[in-house]
């Protein structure tokens, strides 16, 4: 089964359904709708849950909008861009992966 990791601080947001997507660079663009993955914490590799990938959208950094921020459980687009620049300082093309918790 495929695997995806998240920072530990996001676990409650994922399990509560507040965080319904993640944005990754091209190295993690192999996910596709219908794929079931196991989600783990990035820091200590602890299983969080199973997720079904609902959608995959390639998006340019400059085209990120309120829909993307809301799915990431962030109130503003500028906050989303700030967080992403910390993780991917120079990436222009990203992958918006939406998911739902299935177990």
C-alpha atoms as a PDB file:
ATOM      1  CA  UNK A   1       0.000   0.000   0.000  1.00  0.00           C
ATOM      2  CA  UNK A   2       1.239   3.473  -0.843  1.00  0.00           C
ATOM      3  CA  UNK A   3       2.253   5.801   1.959  1.00  0.00           C
ATOM      4  CA  UNK A   4       1.995   9.543   2.557  1.00  0.00           C
ATOM      5  CA  UNK A   5       3.428  11.496   5.485  1.00  0.00           C
ATOM      6  CA  UNK A   6       2.253  14.576   7.369  1.00  0.00           C
ATOM      7  CA  UNK A   7       3.742  16.659  10.153  1.00  0.00           C
ATOM      8  CA  UNK A   8       2.506  15.459  13.567  1.00  0.00           C
ATOM      9  CA  UNK A   9       0.864  18.800  14.248  1.00  0.00           C
ATOM     10  CA  UNK A  10      -1.605  18.120  11.394  1.00  0.00           C
ATOM     11  CA  UNK A  11      -2.890  14.783  12.704  1.00  0.00           C
ATOM     12  CA  UNK A  12      -5.962  16.156  14.530  1.00  0.00           C
ATOM     13  CA  UNK A  13      -6.903  18.336  11.568  1.00  0.00           C
ATOM     14  CA  UNK A  14      -6.785  15.309   9.264  1.00  0.00           C
ATOM     15  CA  UNK A  15      -8.743  13.011  11.577  1.00  0.00           C
ATOM     16  CA  UNK A  16     -11.414  15.670  12.231  1.00  0.00           C
ATOM     17  CA  UNK A  17     -11.919  16.289   8.510  1.00  0.00           C
ATOM     18  CA  UNK A  18     -10.797  19.930   8.692  1.00  0.00           C
ATOM     19  CA  UNK A  19      -7.743  19.259   6.516  1.00  0.00           C
ATOM     20  CA  UNK A  20      -8.874  17.593   3.289  1.00  0.00           C
ATOM     21  CA  UNK A  21      -5.876  18.168   1.040  1.00  0.00           C
ATOM     22  CA  UNK A  22      -2.134  18.509   0.870  1.00  0.00           C
ATOM     23  CA  UNK A  23       0.129  20.313  -1.556  1.00  0.00           C
ATOM     24  CA  UNK A  24       3.306  18.586  -2.625  1.00  0.00           C
ATOM     25  CA  UNK A  25       6.076  18.999  -5.187  1.00  0.00           C
ATOM     26  CA  UNK A  26       6.501  16.858  -8.311  1.00  0.00           C
ATOM     27  CA  UNK A  27       8.383  14.147  -6.366  1.00  0.00           C
ATOM     28  CA  UNK A  28       5.031  13.268  -4.758  1.00  0.00           C
ATOM     29  CA  UNK A  29       2.796  13.701  -7.795  1.00  0.00           C
ATOM     30  CA  UNK A  30       2.326   9.954  -8.391  1.00  0.00           C
ATOM     31  CA  UNK A  31      -0.937   9.752  -6.436  1.00  0.00           C
ATOM     32  CA  UNK A  32      -4.207   9.375  -8.366  1.00  0.00           C
ATOM     33  CA  UNK A  33      -7.957   9.434  -7.581  1.00  0.00           C
ATOM     34  CA  UNK A  34      -9.218   6.211  -6.023  1.00  0.00           C
ATOM     35  CA  UNK A  35      -5.828   5.228  -4.600  1.00  0.00           C
ATOM     36  CA  UNK A  36      -5.964   4.248  -0.921  1.00  0.00           C
ATOM     37  CA  UNK A  37      -2.852   5.229   1.031  1.00  0.00           C
ATOM     38  CA  UNK A  38      -1.689   4.915   4.615  1.00  0.00           C
ATOM     39  CA  UNK A  39      -0.938   8.239   6.279  1.00  0.00           C
ATOM     40  CA  UNK A  40       1.929   8.420   8.763  1.00  0.00           C
ATOM     41  CA  UNK A  41       3.561  11.132  10.846  1.00  0.00           C
ATOM     42  CA  UNK A  42       6.679  12.534   9.217  1.00  0.00           C
ATOM     43  CA  UNK A  43       8.658  12.857  12.436  1.00  0.00           C
ATOM     44  CA  UNK A  44       8.223   9.388  13.960  1.00  0.00           C
ATOM     45  CA  UNK A  45       6.561   7.299  11.227  1.00  0.00           C
ATOM     46  CA  UNK A  46       3.457   6.587  13.333  1.00  0.00           C
ATOM     47  CA  UNK A  47       0.322   5.570  11.455  1.00  0.00           C
ATOM     48  CA  UNK A  48      -2.454   8.187  11.458  1.00  0.00           C
ATOM     49  CA  UNK A  49      -5.128   6.611   9.257  1.00  0.00           C
ATOM     50  CA  UNK A  50      -5.974   5.361   5.786  1.00  0.00           C
ATOM     51  CA  UNK A  51      -6.946   7.915   3.160  1.00  0.00           C
ATOM     52  CA  UNK A  52      -8.526   7.676  -0.250  1.00  0.00           C
ATOM     53  CA  UNK A  53      -7.166  10.108  -2.807  1.00  0.00           C
ATOM     54  CA  UNK A  54     -10.164  12.030  -4.150  1.00  0.00           C
ATOM     55  CA  UNK A  55      -8.442  14.294  -6.661  1.00  0.00           C
ATOM     56  CA  UNK A  56      -5.085  15.411  -7.991  1.00  0.00           C
ATOM     57  CA  UNK A  57      -4.621  18.831  -9.570  1.00  0.00           C
ATOM     58  CA  UNK A  58      -1.393  20.312 -10.867  1.00  0.00           C
ATOM     59  CA  UNK A  59      -1.285  23.972  -9.907  1.00  0.00           C
ATOM     60  CA  UNK A  60       1.197  26.783 -10.329  1.00  0.00           C
ATOM     61  CA  UNK A  61       2.302  28.453  -7.088  1.00  0.00           C
ATOM     62  CA  UNK A  62       0.975  31.827  -8.265  1.00  0.00           C
ATOM     63  CA  UNK A  63      -2.458  30.303  -9.041  1.00  0.00           C
ATOM     64  CA  UNK A  64      -3.076  29.013  -5.500  1.00  0.00           C
ATOM     65  CA  UNK A  65      -6.385  30.376  -4.235  1.00  0.00           C
ATOM     66  CA  UNK A  66      -8.889  30.317  -1.367  1.00  0.00           C
ATOM     67  CA  UNK A  67     -10.085  26.816  -2.294  1.00  0.00           C
ATOM     68  CA  UNK A  68      -6.560  25.464  -1.795  1.00  0.00           C
ATOM     69  CA  UNK A  69      -6.066  27.308   1.500  1.00  0.00           C
ATOM     70  CA  UNK A  70      -9.438  26.159   2.855  1.00  0.00           C
ATOM     71  CA  UNK A  71      -8.724  22.500   2.004  1.00  0.00           C
ATOM     72  CA  UNK A  72      -5.408  22.861   3.859  1.00  0.00           C
ATOM     73  CA  UNK A  73      -7.371  24.271   6.831  1.00  0.00           C
ATOM     74  CA  UNK A  74      -5.759  27.696   6.531  1.00  0.00           C
ATOM     75  CA  UNK A  75      -7.818  30.905   6.631  1.00  0.00           C
ATOM     76  CA  UNK A  76      -5.857  32.895   4.027  1.00  0.00           C
ATOM     77  CA  UNK A  77      -4.004  32.214   0.775  1.00  0.00           C
ATOM     78  CA  UNK A  78      -0.997  34.274   1.903  1.00  0.00           C
ATOM     79  CA  UNK A  79      -0.572  31.901   4.870  1.00  0.00           C
ATOM     80  CA  UNK A  80      -0.658  28.888   2.557  1.00  0.00           C
ATOM     81  CA  UNK A  81       1.968  30.455   0.300  1.00  0.00           C
ATOM     82  CA  UNK A  82       4.143  31.359   3.285  1.00  0.00           C
ATOM     83  CA  UNK A  83       4.035  27.759   4.601  1.00  0.00           C
ATOM     84  CA  UNK A  84       4.742  26.315   1.152  1.00  0.00           C
ATOM     85  CA  UNK A  85       7.723  28.628   0.624  1.00  0.00           C
ATOM     86  CA  UNK A  86       9.224  27.295   3.865  1.00  0.00           C
ATOM     87  CA  UNK A  87       8.934  23.722   2.523  1.00  0.00           C
ATOM     88  CA  UNK A  88       9.495  24.352  -1.207  1.00  0.00           C
ATOM     89  CA  UNK A  89      11.489  27.608  -1.482  1.00  0.00           C
ATOM     90  CA  UNK A  90      11.783  27.695  -5.283  1.00  0.00           C
ATOM     91  CA  UNK A  91       9.094  25.343  -6.595  1.00  0.00           C
ATOM     92  CA  UNK A  92       6.750  26.901  -9.159  1.00  0.00           C
ATOM     93  CA  UNK A  93       4.636  23.878 -10.082  1.00  0.00           C
ATOM     94  CA  UNK A  94       2.903  21.966  -7.295  1.00  0.00           C
ATOM     95  CA  UNK A  95       0.424  19.131  -6.892  1.00  0.00           C
ATOM     96  CA  UNK A  96      -2.835  19.667  -4.952  1.00  0.00           C
ATOM     97  CA  UNK A  97      -3.914  16.275  -3.580  1.00  0.00           C
ATOM     98  CA  UNK A  98      -7.358  16.056  -2.011  1.00  0.00           C
ATOM     99  CA  UNK A  99      -8.269  13.115   0.198  1.00  0.00           C
ATOM    100  CA  UNK A 100     -10.803  11.684   2.605  1.00  0.00           C
ATOM    101  CA  UNK A 101     -10.165   9.579   5.686  1.00  0.00           C
ATOM    102  CA  UNK A 102     -11.404   6.005   5.170  1.00  0.00           C
ATOM    103  CA  UNK A 103     -10.024   4.193   8.196  1.00  0.00           C
END
